[in-house]
Amino acid sequence: MAISEELLKILVCPKCKGDIKLTQKEDGFICENCKLKYPIRDGIPVMLIEEAEKLN
């Protein structure tokens, strides 16, 4: 299931309110400011800080 362009325009990082981008595999969103990856599960972005993975 593809993420709609409209949704991509309005989603921001819940921690810093900065821009996020879709991963190459389209399995999550990355915030480069916070170094966090928010997962996409069953086609639904999980934008909870406690569910995010820390990036190296």
C-alpha atoms as a PDB file:
ATOM      1  CA  MET A   1       0.000   0.000   0.000  1.00  0.00           C
ATOM      2  CA  ALA A   2       1.508   3.308  -1.093  1.00  0.00           C
ATOM      3  CA  ILE A   3       1.511   6.372   1.121  1.00  0.00           C
ATOM      4  CA  SER A   4      -0.479   9.187  -0.482  1.00  0.00           C
ATOM      5  CA  GLU A   5       1.242  12.387  -1.564  1.00  0.00           C
ATOM      6  CA  GLU A   6      -1.201  14.397   0.576  1.00  0.00           C
ATOM      7  CA  LEU A   7      -0.173  12.494   3.699  1.00  0.00           C
ATOM      8  CA  LEU A   8       3.528  12.916   2.899  1.00  0.00           C
ATOM      9  CA  LYS A   9       3.048  16.688   2.726  1.00  0.00           C
ATOM     10  CA  ILE A  10       1.533  17.005   6.211  1.00  0.00           C
ATOM     11  CA  LEU A  11       3.514  14.461   8.265  1.00  0.00           C
ATOM     12  CA  VAL A  12       6.278  15.836  10.485  1.00  0.00           C
ATOM     13  CA  CYS A  13       8.466  14.369  13.207  1.00  0.00           C
ATOM     14  CA  PRO A  14       6.437  14.315  16.438  1.00  0.00           C
ATOM     15  CA  LYS A  15       9.554  15.031  18.491  1.00  0.00           C
ATOM     16  CA  CYS A  16      11.047  18.085  16.748  1.00  0.00           C
ATOM     17  CA  LYS A  17       8.250  18.954  14.278  1.00  0.00           C
ATOM     18  CA  GLY A  18      10.852  18.825  11.497  1.00  0.00           C
ATOM     19  CA  ASP A  19      10.617  17.300   8.054  1.00  0.00           C
ATOM     20  CA  ILE A  20      10.663  13.548   7.603  1.00  0.00           C
ATOM     21  CA  LYS A  21      11.303  11.472   4.520  1.00  0.00           C
ATOM     22  CA  LEU A  22      10.179   8.063   3.370  1.00  0.00           C
ATOM     23  CA  THR A  23      12.819   5.318   3.529  1.00  0.00           C
ATOM     24  CA  GLN A  24      14.015   3.675   0.307  1.00  0.00           C
ATOM     25  CA  LYS A  25      12.195   0.461   1.248  1.00  0.00           C
ATOM     26  CA  GLU A  26       9.074   2.524   2.091  1.00  0.00           C
ATOM     27  CA  ASP A  27       8.912   0.769   5.473  1.00  0.00           C
ATOM     28  CA  GLY A  28       9.165   3.905   7.576  1.00  0.00           C
ATOM     29  CA  PHE A  29       9.939   7.597   7.862  1.00  0.00           C
ATOM     30  CA  ILE A  30      13.266   9.095   8.887  1.00  0.00           C
ATOM     31  CA  CYS A  31      13.863  12.299  10.803  1.00  0.00           C
ATOM     32  CA  GLU A  32      17.446  13.354  10.158  1.00  0.00           C
ATOM     33  CA  ASN A  33      17.361  15.954  12.961  1.00  0.00           C
ATOM     34  CA  CYS A  34      16.449  13.445  15.681  1.00  0.00           C
ATOM     35  CA  LYS A  35      18.099  10.410  14.014  1.00  0.00           C
ATOM     36  CA  LEU A  36      14.876   8.411  14.406  1.00  0.00           C
ATOM     37  CA  LYS A  37      12.985   6.043  12.112  1.00  0.00           C
ATOM     38  CA  TYR A  38       9.221   5.813  12.514  1.00  0.00           C
ATOM     39  CA  PRO A  39       7.823   2.500  11.202  1.00  0.00           C
ATOM     40  CA  ILE A  40       4.955   1.905   8.814  1.00  0.00           C
ATOM     41  CA  ARG A  41       2.851  -1.074   9.913  1.00  0.00           C
ATOM     42  CA  ASP A  42       0.060  -2.472   7.751  1.00  0.00           C
ATOM     43  CA  GLY A  43       0.199   0.690   5.639  1.00  0.00           C
ATOM     44  CA  ILE A  44      -0.216   2.984   8.660  1.00  0.00           C
ATOM     45  CA  PRO A  45       2.588   5.311   9.834  1.00  0.00           C
ATOM     46  CA  VAL A  46       3.276   4.816  13.550  1.00  0.00           C
ATOM     47  CA  MET A  47       4.286   8.318  14.592  1.00  0.00           C
ATOM     48  CA  LEU A  48       4.879   7.651  18.285  1.00  0.00           C
ATOM     49  CA  ILE A  49       8.234   8.703  19.711  1.00  0.00           C
ATOM     50  CA  GLU A  50       8.389   5.596  21.918  1.00  0.00           C
ATOM     51  CA  GLU A  51       7.901   3.349  18.840  1.00  0.00           C
ATOM     52  CA  ALA A  52      10.689   4.987  16.823  1.00  0.00           C
ATOM     53  CA  GLU A  53      14.024   3.260  16.216  1.00  0.00           C
ATOM     54  CA  LYS A  54      17.273   5.146  16.820  1.00  0.00           C
ATOM     55  CA  LEU A  55      19.533   5.428  13.785  1.00  0.00           C
ATOM     56  CA  ASN A  56      23.312   5.108  13.923  1.00  0.00           C
END
